Every structure is written in structure tokens, then in C-alpha cells.
């Protein structure tokens, strides 16, 4: 079906990009065979590093003409194998396309290339008194990757997810044609929203080469509350009660004592409190101290009324750094605590979070494995990790299958979905097909064919 990359193809790619930006054979670093989580590995035949929309277009024209598969890769921080070139071919890396092109203060937008890191964009926005609200835990991810997975993060409770901040995209279609989707406008009812189809498509429809993103004015005040509860059930049950207070926190995170201790050990830094089994971490922002302090006091009082053991105000820079650096390190801390792990990134209704977490605890006991978790309690998105520890290959394979089958079935039973923010990629596509059924998958495949009739862009992912 696909053509192998030939010496003539290498020569043409060098002519397009320069020899320094074309790496092939044994010269390719093995890290390019997998993403952050690992588990799925395949080396590309050639790695190309692009710097402009025009270079991407030229590479795609060659790939289209020769029917060579192309997989787009940013920082490689994904967790579902979406950036793994499972059909070989060309791996197109966009990290060198890392320019912040324009800040437009009149339209509250910023235009960036896809290789800009999330932490770079966040810092740039803040320096200019703006906020880019999407806040996934992996700050070294690229904006192109965030758009491709419709990343959410901790501030989604108040501000929404990446799709809500993408105004326009410049993309290269599989045949090399350059198109602009969307515009610098606040409203758009002009036909099908092709831009929104691209957001979350994980590099299967086109290559994103530029994005116009919405910003909001930077809130002047931000305060967090760390609230311990006697158990997970009472912590999670507090969340809908907080929402009913008509105060919307910026973030509501759930964390267990075990996960906090992993983070303490990993960072070598003390967390403010580790005496209790379950915690929720809330953040509030606004433009006046009076407004934020009022919200903090009302929610603190509410938490104490409904069973919280204490309320810690996290308002100094030192405390904020201690708490949020620990929260940001949860994934790496769990990873460092075991020999290998795999992730279940489900989303369930907010009032079902405690049922799902309780289910994972029972499953861990039944399967005799560790299944730590944490997540965005405010939007029902949970990150659950199955730890291999000392299991042999066959036992690990069996445990993963049983645990994933059971957890995804439970999420569906509770009215949830397969992925909240990490995407489907390669490893979850079977579960997506099982949950959605034939017709939605066929519609997705039809969209894919319209964009990519030769199926050369990131083949084998999501719906194929």
C-alpha cells in the first residue's frame, strides 16, 4: 500500500530542507520510536525537521506523490502512541517551528507556530498582561500537540479547553495544499467548522503550521485552597456542592495521599499536609482581592460544613510553588515509582467520579496491582495509572487487558467517555470503536477520506 523511502526521496528531502534537517537510518535517535509513555514503538525511515509552512507543503507534496506515510511529531509528550510512526515512512518534526509571530492586543489574539511550547506561550502572555487559559499538566508540550489532542488541563472548569481558544489555523493538506481555516473573529457561523474538525484530530487530517489563539486579560489576584477530607468519597462529593454555591473555581483537582507521597519522594520537597487520605485543591482568580477573598471564605466555610478536616490557604508564592509543583509532578512521580505503567484517561460525569475511583481501588485489590490516580475533579477527567512493578511480561499483558476492559466499561456504564484530554491515538482506538459503534466510526472514516484520500497522514490512528 505504502511506498518505502528511497535514496532518491532522501535526496529530494535534502534539497527541500537541507542535509542537516534530514536524518535517516541508524542516525535517528531511538527516542523517536515512541512517545512519553512508551509501550508502542516503531522507527521512522526518515526524520525531517521543518521550519516553515512552505517546507511542510513541499514535504507533503513529495509524500503524496509517492504515497509515503507521514506522522507529525512535536515534543513527543503524548501518552497514546499518536506520534509513533507505526507505518514507518516520514516523521515530520515541528519543534523548530517555534516562533510567536504576533500579539494582537486589539483582537486579544496571539499567532504562533505549532512548535511553541505551552510554558513559553503562557509566560509570553503573562508578560503582556494576558492569560492563555488552557493549562495541561505537561508544560513542555507543544501548542500544535495541544491543539491536535484538544488538551484541557486544570483551568478547564472555568475557562474551557483548547478548542475554545483556537480562532484560526493555517494547515497543510496531505496533497501539500496550504489552507487557512477560521479567522480572527469572535463569532463564526459560516458553514461547517473545518477548523474545529482539525482540533482534536491528532494529526490525521492535516498538518497544523500556524494558529491564531484567543487570550483573556490576566486576572490580577489568584488564591488556592488545599482542603483535606477523611476519605475519597467525602472529597469528591464536595465538588457538586461547591458548584451549587454559584461560585466557579478556576480549578478543582482531586489527589490522594499516596499520590502526594510519590510526588514528595520524586521532588524531594515537602507537601504542606500529608496526614489525610484525600484532598481537593481549588483555585480562585479575579481582578480584586475583595472578590477573590470573598469567594475563598465562602467556599472554605462550605467545605468545613460538609466534612472537610481543615482548610489551608495557599496564597504566598512559596506555598503556591510547593503545592502546584507537587501537583504538576504527579505523572512523573508515579512513573518513577514503578518499572512501567500505562494510563487510563477517562472522563465521567462529575457526580460519578467517586464511584469510578472506588471501582479502581476494588479492581487494584482484585488484580493485586497498584492503580494510583489523580484528576480534574471539577470536570470529571481522571488519570488512572496501572503500575507493572515486578510483573513478568505475560502477567503484565494479561493485567493490562483486564484492567482496561473493566475500566472503560465502567466509565461507559457511568455515562463517561474513553478520553478526556489525551486523545485516542493508536492504543485506544479499539475502545473508541467499542463505545461508539459502527455508524460514528464510519462517519469519522468518511471525514478522514475527504481530507486524506490516500490515508498517508498518521495512518492507523483513531478510527482506522
Protein backbone atom coordinates (compact mmCIF):
# COMPACT_ATOMS: atom_id res chain seq x y z
CA UNK A 1 0.00 0.00 0.00
CA UNK A 2 2.70 2.49 1.00
CA UNK A 3 5.97 3.21 -0.76
CA UNK A 4 9.25 2.80 1.07
CA UNK A 5 11.52 5.83 1.34
CA UNK A 6 14.25 5.54 -1.30
CA UNK A 7 17.65 7.16 -1.67
CA UNK A 8 16.08 9.39 -4.32
CA UNK A 9 13.43 10.51 -1.80
CA UNK A 10 16.18 11.31 0.71
CA UNK A 11 17.96 13.36 -1.92
CA UNK A 12 14.78 15.34 -2.69
CA UNK A 13 14.10 15.93 1.02
CA UNK A 14 17.65 17.23 1.47
CA UNK A 15 17.02 19.57 -1.44
CA UNK A 16 13.89 20.89 0.26
CA UNK A 17 15.16 21.13 3.85
CA UNK A 18 18.96 20.99 3.74
CA UNK A 19 21.02 17.96 4.73
CA UNK A 20 21.18 18.94 8.42
CA UNK A 21 17.41 18.63 8.70
CA UNK A 22 17.09 15.17 7.17
CA UNK A 23 18.14 12.25 9.38
CA UNK A 24 17.78 8.64 8.29
CA UNK A 25 18.77 5.09 9.12
CA UNK A 26 20.82 4.47 12.24
CA UNK A 27 21.40 8.20 12.70
CA UNK A 28 17.82 8.60 14.03
CA UNK A 29 17.68 8.70 17.83
CA UNK A 30 15.68 5.69 19.16
CA UNK A 31 13.57 8.10 21.26
CA UNK A 32 11.73 8.99 18.05
CA UNK A 33 10.26 5.46 18.00
CA UNK A 34 7.92 6.12 20.94
CA UNK A 35 6.12 8.82 22.88
CA UNK A 36 6.36 9.75 26.58
CA UNK A 37 4.59 6.68 27.89
CA UNK A 38 6.24 4.13 25.60
CA UNK A 39 4.77 0.71 25.00
CA UNK A 40 4.19 1.27 21.28
CA UNK A 41 7.40 1.59 19.27
CA UNK A 42 8.26 1.90 15.58
CA UNK A 43 11.18 3.72 13.96
CA UNK A 44 10.58 6.06 11.03
CA UNK A 45 12.53 5.55 7.82
CA UNK A 46 13.47 9.22 7.79
CA UNK A 47 13.14 12.10 10.25
CA UNK A 48 12.67 15.59 8.82
CA UNK A 49 12.82 18.85 10.77
CA UNK A 50 10.72 21.61 9.22
CA UNK A 51 10.88 25.37 9.79
CA UNK A 52 8.04 26.84 7.71
CA UNK A 53 4.64 26.21 6.18
CA UNK A 54 6.26 26.17 2.75
CA UNK A 55 8.69 23.41 3.79
CA UNK A 56 5.84 21.34 5.19
CA UNK A 57 3.94 21.82 1.94
CA UNK A 58 6.91 20.65 -0.13
CA UNK A 59 7.42 17.57 2.04
CA UNK A 60 3.73 16.66 1.83
CA UNK A 61 3.69 17.08 -1.95
CA UNK A 62 6.53 14.59 -2.22
CA UNK A 63 4.89 12.17 0.23
CA UNK A 64 1.54 12.43 -1.58
CA UNK A 65 3.09 11.84 -4.99
CA UNK A 66 4.99 8.81 -3.72
CA UNK A 67 2.29 7.52 -1.26
CA UNK A 68 4.68 7.66 1.70
CA UNK A 69 3.11 7.77 5.18
CA UNK A 70 3.82 10.89 7.26
CA UNK A 71 3.50 11.19 11.03
CA UNK A 72 3.72 14.62 12.67
CA UNK A 73 5.57 14.95 15.98
CA UNK A 74 6.04 17.81 18.42
CA UNK A 75 7.76 17.29 21.77
CA UNK A 76 6.72 13.64 21.96
CA UNK A 77 4.92 14.10 25.30
CA UNK A 78 1.80 12.21 24.21
CA UNK A 79 0.58 9.11 26.03
CA UNK A 80 -1.46 7.16 23.46
CA UNK A 81 1.02 6.46 20.63
CA UNK A 82 -0.41 9.18 18.37
CA UNK A 83 3.05 10.43 17.33
CA UNK A 84 4.53 6.96 16.75
CA UNK A 85 5.14 6.27 13.02
CA UNK A 86 3.62 2.80 13.07
CA UNK A 87 3.80 2.54 9.25
CA UNK A 88 7.38 3.85 9.10
CA UNK A 89 7.79 6.45 6.39
CA UNK A 90 8.47 10.10 7.24
CA UNK A 91 8.41 11.50 10.76
CA UNK A 92 7.85 15.25 10.43
CA UNK A 93 9.06 17.14 13.50
CA UNK A 94 7.71 20.66 14.06
CA UNK A 95 9.67 21.73 17.16
CA UNK A 96 11.83 24.12 15.12
CA UNK A 97 8.67 25.99 14.08
CA UNK A 98 8.70 27.75 17.44
CA UNK A 99 8.06 31.43 16.75
CA UNK A 100 5.45 33.60 18.44
CA UNK A 101 4.54 35.57 15.35
CA UNK A 102 2.17 38.29 16.53
CA UNK A 103 0.36 39.59 19.58
CA UNK A 104 -2.77 41.50 18.56
CA UNK A 105 -4.00 43.41 21.61
CA UNK A 106 -6.99 44.78 19.73
CA UNK A 107 -8.47 41.36 18.99
CA UNK A 108 -6.98 39.67 22.09
CA UNK A 109 -5.24 37.05 19.95
CA UNK A 110 -1.76 35.66 19.57
CA UNK A 111 -0.46 33.95 16.43
CA UNK A 112 2.04 31.14 16.93
CA UNK A 113 3.79 28.35 15.11
CA UNK A 114 3.00 24.79 16.28
CA UNK A 115 6.38 24.14 17.92
CA UNK A 116 5.95 26.87 20.57
CA UNK A 117 5.91 25.21 23.99
CA UNK A 118 2.91 25.69 26.26
CA UNK A 119 5.13 27.14 29.01
CA UNK A 120 6.66 29.62 26.52
CA UNK A 121 3.24 30.83 25.38
CA UNK A 122 1.98 31.06 28.98
CA UNK A 123 5.00 33.16 30.02
CA UNK A 124 4.72 35.40 26.94
CA UNK A 125 1.02 36.02 27.55
CA UNK A 126 1.60 36.85 31.22
CA UNK A 127 4.45 39.24 30.41
CA UNK A 128 1.96 41.14 28.27
CA UNK A 129 -0.78 41.10 30.93
CA UNK A 130 -2.80 38.34 29.26
CA UNK A 131 -3.68 34.75 30.12
CA UNK A 132 -3.73 31.77 27.78
CA UNK A 133 -6.21 29.67 29.79
CA UNK A 134 -5.62 26.04 28.65
CA UNK A 135 -3.35 24.53 31.29
CA UNK A 136 -2.46 20.85 30.72
CA UNK A 137 -0.07 19.34 33.23
CA UNK A 138 2.73 18.81 30.69
CA UNK A 139 4.06 22.33 30.20
CA UNK A 140 6.78 21.21 27.76
CA UNK A 141 4.18 20.03 25.25
CA UNK A 142 3.91 21.98 22.01
CA UNK A 143 0.89 24.09 21.11
CA UNK A 144 0.48 22.03 17.95
CA UNK A 145 0.20 18.91 20.09
CA UNK A 146 -2.25 20.60 22.46
CA UNK A 147 -4.45 21.59 19.51
CA UNK A 148 -4.18 18.12 17.98
CA UNK A 149 -5.48 16.48 21.18
CA UNK A 150 -7.80 19.31 22.27
CA UNK A 151 -5.91 19.39 25.56
CA UNK A 152 -7.79 20.60 28.62
CA UNK A 153 -5.95 20.80 31.92
CA UNK A 154 -6.66 22.21 35.33
CA UNK A 155 -8.32 25.50 34.39
CA UNK A 156 -10.94 23.85 32.17
CA UNK A 157 -13.53 24.14 34.96
CA UNK A 158 -13.77 27.90 34.50
CA UNK A 159 -12.19 28.61 31.14
CA UNK A 160 -12.83 25.57 28.93
CA UNK A 161 -10.45 23.56 26.74
CA UNK A 162 -8.07 24.24 23.85
CA UNK A 163 -10.82 24.18 21.20
CA UNK A 164 -12.45 27.18 22.91
CA UNK A 165 -9.30 29.26 22.25
CA UNK A 166 -8.48 28.36 18.64
CA UNK A 167 -9.71 31.14 16.35
CA UNK A 168 -7.92 30.17 13.14
CA UNK A 169 -5.45 27.64 11.77
CA UNK A 170 -3.08 27.52 8.84
CA UNK A 171 -2.81 23.91 7.72
CA UNK A 172 -1.16 21.86 5.02
CA UNK A 173 -3.38 19.20 3.49
CA UNK A 174 -1.98 15.75 2.63
CA UNK A 175 -1.52 16.78 -1.02
CA UNK A 176 0.59 19.78 0.03
CA UNK A 177 -2.10 22.42 -0.45
CA UNK A 178 -1.98 25.27 2.11
CA UNK A 179 -5.31 26.35 3.60
CA UNK A 180 -6.47 28.86 6.23
CA UNK A 181 -9.37 27.74 8.41
CA UNK A 182 -11.28 30.16 10.65
CA UNK A 183 -10.44 33.83 11.23
CA UNK A 184 -9.63 36.44 13.90
CA UNK A 185 -13.28 36.80 14.78
CA UNK A 186 -15.26 36.10 17.94
CA UNK A 187 -18.23 34.51 16.12
CA UNK A 188 -18.41 32.33 13.03
CA UNK A 189 -21.48 30.69 11.55
CA UNK A 190 -20.08 30.36 8.04
CA UNK A 191 -20.70 26.76 7.05
CA UNK A 192 -19.17 23.67 8.60
CA UNK A 193 -16.44 24.47 11.11
CA UNK A 194 -13.47 22.78 9.45
CA UNK A 195 -11.18 24.39 12.00
CA UNK A 196 -12.97 22.57 14.79
CA UNK A 197 -12.66 19.27 12.93
CA UNK A 198 -8.89 19.71 12.92
CA UNK A 199 -8.76 20.44 16.65
CA UNK A 200 -8.52 17.03 18.33
CA UNK A 201 -7.80 15.12 15.11
CA UNK A 202 -4.32 14.06 16.28
CA UNK A 203 -2.55 14.79 13.01
CA UNK A 204 -4.75 12.52 10.91
CA UNK A 205 -6.37 15.19 8.71
CA UNK A 206 -3.71 17.81 8.00
CA UNK A 207 -0.53 19.40 9.38
CA UNK A 208 -1.02 22.46 11.58
CA UNK A 209 1.60 25.10 10.76
CA UNK A 210 0.17 28.24 12.39
CA UNK A 211 -2.53 29.01 14.95
CA UNK A 212 -4.40 32.15 15.98
CA UNK A 213 -5.31 31.74 19.65
CA UNK A 214 -7.65 33.70 21.86
CA UNK A 215 -6.29 35.31 25.04
CA UNK A 216 -8.09 36.78 28.05
CA UNK A 217 -6.99 39.63 30.33
CA UNK A 218 -4.71 38.37 33.09
CA UNK A 219 -6.56 38.10 36.42
CA UNK A 220 -4.83 40.28 38.99
CA UNK A 221 -5.42 38.01 42.01
CA UNK A 222 -5.20 34.23 42.43
CA UNK A 223 -5.54 32.16 45.59
CA UNK A 224 -5.74 28.40 46.18
CA UNK A 225 -7.26 26.28 48.91
CA UNK A 226 -5.92 22.88 49.90
CA UNK A 227 -8.75 21.01 51.60
CA UNK A 228 -8.20 17.63 53.34
CA UNK A 229 -11.06 15.16 53.75
CA UNK A 230 -11.24 11.93 55.74
CA UNK A 231 -11.81 9.82 52.63
CA UNK A 232 -12.13 9.96 48.87
CA UNK A 233 -15.93 9.75 48.87
CA UNK A 234 -16.42 12.86 51.01
CA UNK A 235 -13.80 14.77 48.99
CA UNK A 236 -15.45 14.02 45.65
CA UNK A 237 -18.97 14.59 46.99
CA UNK A 238 -17.91 18.13 47.91
CA UNK A 239 -17.42 19.09 44.25
CA UNK A 240 -21.08 19.34 43.09
CA UNK A 241 -21.91 21.12 46.35
CA UNK A 242 -19.23 23.70 45.55
CA UNK A 243 -20.76 24.22 42.10
CA UNK A 244 -24.19 24.70 43.61
CA UNK A 245 -22.79 27.59 45.66
CA UNK A 246 -22.75 29.55 42.36
CA UNK A 247 -19.04 30.31 42.75
CA UNK A 248 -16.98 28.86 39.90
CA UNK A 249 -13.40 27.98 40.87
CA UNK A 250 -10.68 28.19 38.25
CA UNK A 251 -9.64 24.63 39.05
CA UNK A 252 -10.75 21.74 41.26
CA UNK A 253 -8.19 18.95 41.50
CA UNK A 254 -8.52 15.65 43.34
CA UNK A 255 -5.48 13.93 44.87
CA UNK A 256 -4.91 11.04 47.23
CA UNK A 257 -2.32 10.80 49.99
CA UNK A 258 -0.44 8.04 48.14
CA UNK A 259 -0.04 10.17 45.01
CA UNK A 260 1.15 13.15 47.06
CA UNK A 261 3.79 10.97 48.74
CA UNK A 262 5.01 9.76 45.34
CA UNK A 263 5.44 13.40 44.35
CA UNK A 264 7.23 14.28 47.59
CA UNK A 265 9.72 11.47 47.05
CA UNK A 266 10.20 12.38 43.40
CA UNK A 267 10.76 16.10 44.01
CA UNK A 268 12.49 15.78 47.37
CA UNK A 269 10.23 18.52 48.73
CA UNK A 270 7.64 18.51 51.48
CA UNK A 271 3.94 18.97 50.74
CA UNK A 272 2.08 21.24 53.20
CA UNK A 273 -0.01 18.36 54.58
CA UNK A 274 0.08 14.57 54.10
CA UNK A 275 -1.80 13.35 57.17
CA UNK A 276 -5.11 12.66 55.45
CA UNK A 277 -6.35 10.22 52.84
CA UNK A 278 -7.90 12.61 50.30
CA UNK A 279 -7.60 16.24 49.23
CA UNK A 280 -9.17 18.66 46.82
CA UNK A 281 -7.16 21.62 45.58
CA UNK A 282 -9.17 24.64 44.47
CA UNK A 283 -8.04 27.84 42.80
CA UNK A 284 -9.94 31.11 42.50
CA UNK A 285 -8.96 34.10 40.39
CA UNK A 286 -10.35 37.57 39.78
CA UNK A 287 -9.47 41.22 39.45
CA UNK A 288 -9.83 42.35 43.06
CA UNK A 289 -8.64 40.90 46.36
CA UNK A 290 -12.05 41.62 47.83
CA UNK A 291 -13.78 39.47 45.21
CA UNK A 292 -11.33 36.55 45.48
CA UNK A 293 -11.14 36.69 49.28
CA UNK A 294 -14.93 36.62 49.46
CA UNK A 295 -15.08 33.54 47.22
CA UNK A 296 -12.32 31.82 49.19
CA UNK A 297 -14.05 32.45 52.53
CA UNK A 298 -17.43 31.26 51.32
CA UNK A 299 -16.05 28.03 49.85
CA UNK A 300 -13.77 27.42 52.85
CA UNK A 301 -16.77 27.69 55.18
CA UNK A 302 -18.82 25.42 52.91
CA UNK A 303 -16.08 22.76 52.85
CA UNK A 304 -15.87 22.74 56.64
CA UNK A 305 -19.65 22.44 56.89
CA UNK A 306 -19.73 19.38 54.61
CA UNK A 307 -16.96 17.42 56.29
CA UNK A 308 -13.55 18.88 55.44
CA UNK A 309 -10.99 18.32 58.20
CA UNK A 310 -9.27 21.66 57.64
CA UNK A 311 -8.70 24.35 55.02
CA UNK A 312 -5.22 25.59 54.10
CA UNK A 313 -5.00 28.89 52.25
CA UNK A 314 -2.32 28.81 49.57
CA UNK A 315 -1.68 32.49 48.90
CA UNK A 316 2.08 33.08 49.20
CA UNK A 317 4.46 32.42 46.32
CA UNK A 318 6.28 29.80 48.42
CA UNK A 319 3.13 27.87 49.24
CA UNK A 320 1.84 28.09 45.66
CA UNK A 321 5.12 26.73 44.34
CA UNK A 322 5.10 23.89 46.88
CA UNK A 323 1.56 22.79 46.14
CA UNK A 324 1.40 23.28 42.37
CA UNK A 325 4.89 21.89 41.66
CA UNK A 326 3.82 18.74 43.51
CA UNK A 327 0.58 18.57 41.51
CA UNK A 328 2.46 19.11 38.25
CA UNK A 329 4.86 16.26 39.05
CA UNK A 330 2.23 13.57 39.70
CA UNK A 331 2.64 11.80 36.36
CA UNK A 332 6.43 11.71 36.51
CA UNK A 333 6.35 10.75 40.19
CA UNK A 334 4.10 7.74 39.57
CA UNK A 335 6.23 6.77 36.59
CA UNK A 336 9.38 6.89 38.74
CA UNK A 337 7.74 4.66 41.37
CA UNK A 338 7.40 1.66 39.07
CA UNK A 339 9.15 -0.29 36.32
CA UNK A 340 6.48 0.50 33.70
CA UNK A 341 2.98 1.92 33.64
CA UNK A 342 0.04 2.51 31.34
CA UNK A 343 -2.70 5.10 31.57
CA UNK A 344 -6.49 5.19 31.53
CA UNK A 345 -7.62 8.77 30.76
CA UNK A 346 -11.38 8.61 31.17
CA UNK A 347 -13.96 11.32 31.71
CA UNK A 348 -17.17 10.69 33.66
CA UNK A 349 -19.95 12.96 34.94
CA UNK A 350 -18.73 14.98 37.92
CA UNK A 351 -21.16 13.27 40.29
CA UNK A 352 -19.81 9.84 39.27
CA UNK A 353 -16.13 10.49 39.98
CA UNK A 354 -16.18 8.88 43.41
CA UNK A 355 -17.86 5.75 42.02
CA UNK A 356 -15.21 5.36 39.36
CA UNK A 357 -12.27 5.88 41.72
CA UNK A 358 -13.79 3.46 44.25
CA UNK A 359 -14.12 0.96 41.40
CA UNK A 360 -10.40 1.30 40.55
CA UNK A 361 -9.48 0.66 44.19
CA UNK A 362 -11.52 -2.56 44.20
CA UNK A 363 -10.00 -3.55 40.85
CA UNK A 364 -6.48 -2.99 42.21
CA UNK A 365 -7.23 -5.27 45.16
CA UNK A 366 -8.74 -7.92 42.90
CA UNK A 367 -5.86 -7.87 40.38
CA UNK A 368 -3.18 -7.40 43.06
CA UNK A 369 -1.63 -4.40 41.29
CA UNK A 370 -1.18 -0.74 42.17
CA UNK A 371 -3.60 1.64 40.42
CA UNK A 372 -2.88 5.18 41.68
CA UNK A 373 -4.92 8.05 40.29
CA UNK A 374 -5.46 11.79 40.31
CA UNK A 375 -7.51 14.10 38.20
CA UNK A 376 -9.60 17.11 37.41
CA UNK A 377 -12.48 16.62 39.84
CA UNK A 378 -14.17 19.76 38.54
CA UNK A 379 -14.76 18.29 35.07
CA UNK A 380 -14.70 14.55 35.76
CA UNK A 381 -11.46 13.85 33.85
CA UNK A 382 -9.43 11.21 35.70
CA UNK A 383 -5.89 9.98 35.12
CA UNK A 384 -5.58 6.40 36.32
CA UNK A 385 -2.29 4.50 36.11
CA UNK A 386 -1.72 0.75 36.18
CA UNK A 387 1.74 0.03 37.61
CA UNK A 388 3.71 -3.01 36.47
CA UNK A 389 6.17 -3.18 39.37
CA UNK A 390 7.55 -6.77 39.34
CA UNK A 391 5.12 -8.46 36.95
CA UNK A 392 6.59 -10.63 34.17
CA UNK A 393 5.74 -9.93 30.53
CA UNK A 394 2.79 -12.34 30.27
CA UNK A 395 1.26 -11.29 33.59
CA UNK A 396 1.62 -7.60 32.69
CA UNK A 397 -0.07 -8.11 29.34
CA UNK A 398 -2.94 -10.01 30.97
CA UNK A 399 -3.38 -7.43 33.76
CA UNK A 400 -3.47 -4.53 31.30
CA UNK A 401 -6.14 -6.15 29.16
CA UNK A 402 -8.40 -6.98 32.08
CA UNK A 403 -7.94 -3.62 33.79
CA UNK A 404 -8.50 -1.55 30.67
CA UNK A 405 -11.51 -3.60 29.57
CA UNK A 406 -13.07 -3.25 33.01
CA UNK A 407 -12.28 0.45 33.49
CA UNK A 408 -13.50 1.59 30.09
CA UNK A 409 -16.67 -0.48 30.51
CA UNK A 410 -17.23 1.09 33.92
CA UNK A 411 -16.72 4.60 32.52
CA UNK A 412 -19.30 3.89 29.82
CA UNK A 413 -21.70 2.46 32.40
CA UNK A 414 -21.40 5.71 34.37
CA UNK A 415 -22.12 7.83 31.28
CA UNK A 416 -18.47 8.67 30.54
CA UNK A 417 -16.15 8.52 27.54
CA UNK A 418 -12.85 6.89 26.61
CA UNK A 419 -10.68 10.00 26.73
CA UNK A 420 -10.95 13.36 28.45
CA UNK A 421 -7.89 15.08 27.02
CA UNK A 422 -5.06 12.75 25.96
CA UNK A 423 -6.70 11.54 22.78
CA UNK A 424 -7.16 8.14 21.15
CA UNK A 425 -4.01 7.69 19.07
CA UNK A 426 -3.12 4.06 18.45
CA UNK A 427 -3.64 2.43 21.83
CA UNK A 428 -7.26 3.43 22.48
CA UNK A 429 -8.86 3.05 19.08
CA UNK A 430 -10.33 -0.38 19.89
CA UNK A 431 -12.09 1.05 22.93
CA UNK A 432 -13.37 4.02 20.92
CA UNK A 433 -14.88 1.69 18.31
CA UNK A 434 -16.45 -0.47 21.01
CA UNK A 435 -18.05 2.52 22.73
CA UNK A 436 -19.24 4.45 19.68
CA UNK A 437 -20.34 1.61 17.42
CA UNK A 438 -20.23 1.37 13.63
CA UNK A 439 -22.02 4.50 12.42
CA UNK A 440 -19.99 7.19 14.27
CA UNK A 441 -16.75 5.42 13.34
CA UNK A 442 -17.82 5.24 9.68
CA UNK A 443 -18.59 8.99 9.74
CA UNK A 444 -15.10 9.66 11.15
CA UNK A 445 -13.57 7.43 8.47
CA UNK A 446 -15.53 9.32 5.82
CA UNK A 447 -14.17 12.66 7.10
CA UNK A 448 -10.68 11.18 7.07
CA UNK A 449 -11.09 10.08 3.43
CA UNK A 450 -12.25 13.55 2.34
CA UNK A 451 -9.16 15.15 3.87
CA UNK A 452 -6.74 12.32 3.11
CA UNK A 453 -7.85 10.04 0.30
CA UNK A 454 -4.53 8.16 0.30
CA UNK A 455 -4.50 7.74 4.09
CA UNK A 456 -0.90 8.93 4.35
CA UNK A 457 -1.24 11.26 7.36
CA UNK A 458 -0.75 9.42 10.66
CA UNK A 459 -2.32 6.19 9.36
CA UNK A 460 -3.63 3.60 11.79
CA UNK A 461 -4.78 6.09 14.41
CA UNK A 462 -8.16 6.98 15.99
CA UNK A 463 -10.71 5.40 13.64
CA UNK A 464 -8.58 3.11 11.43
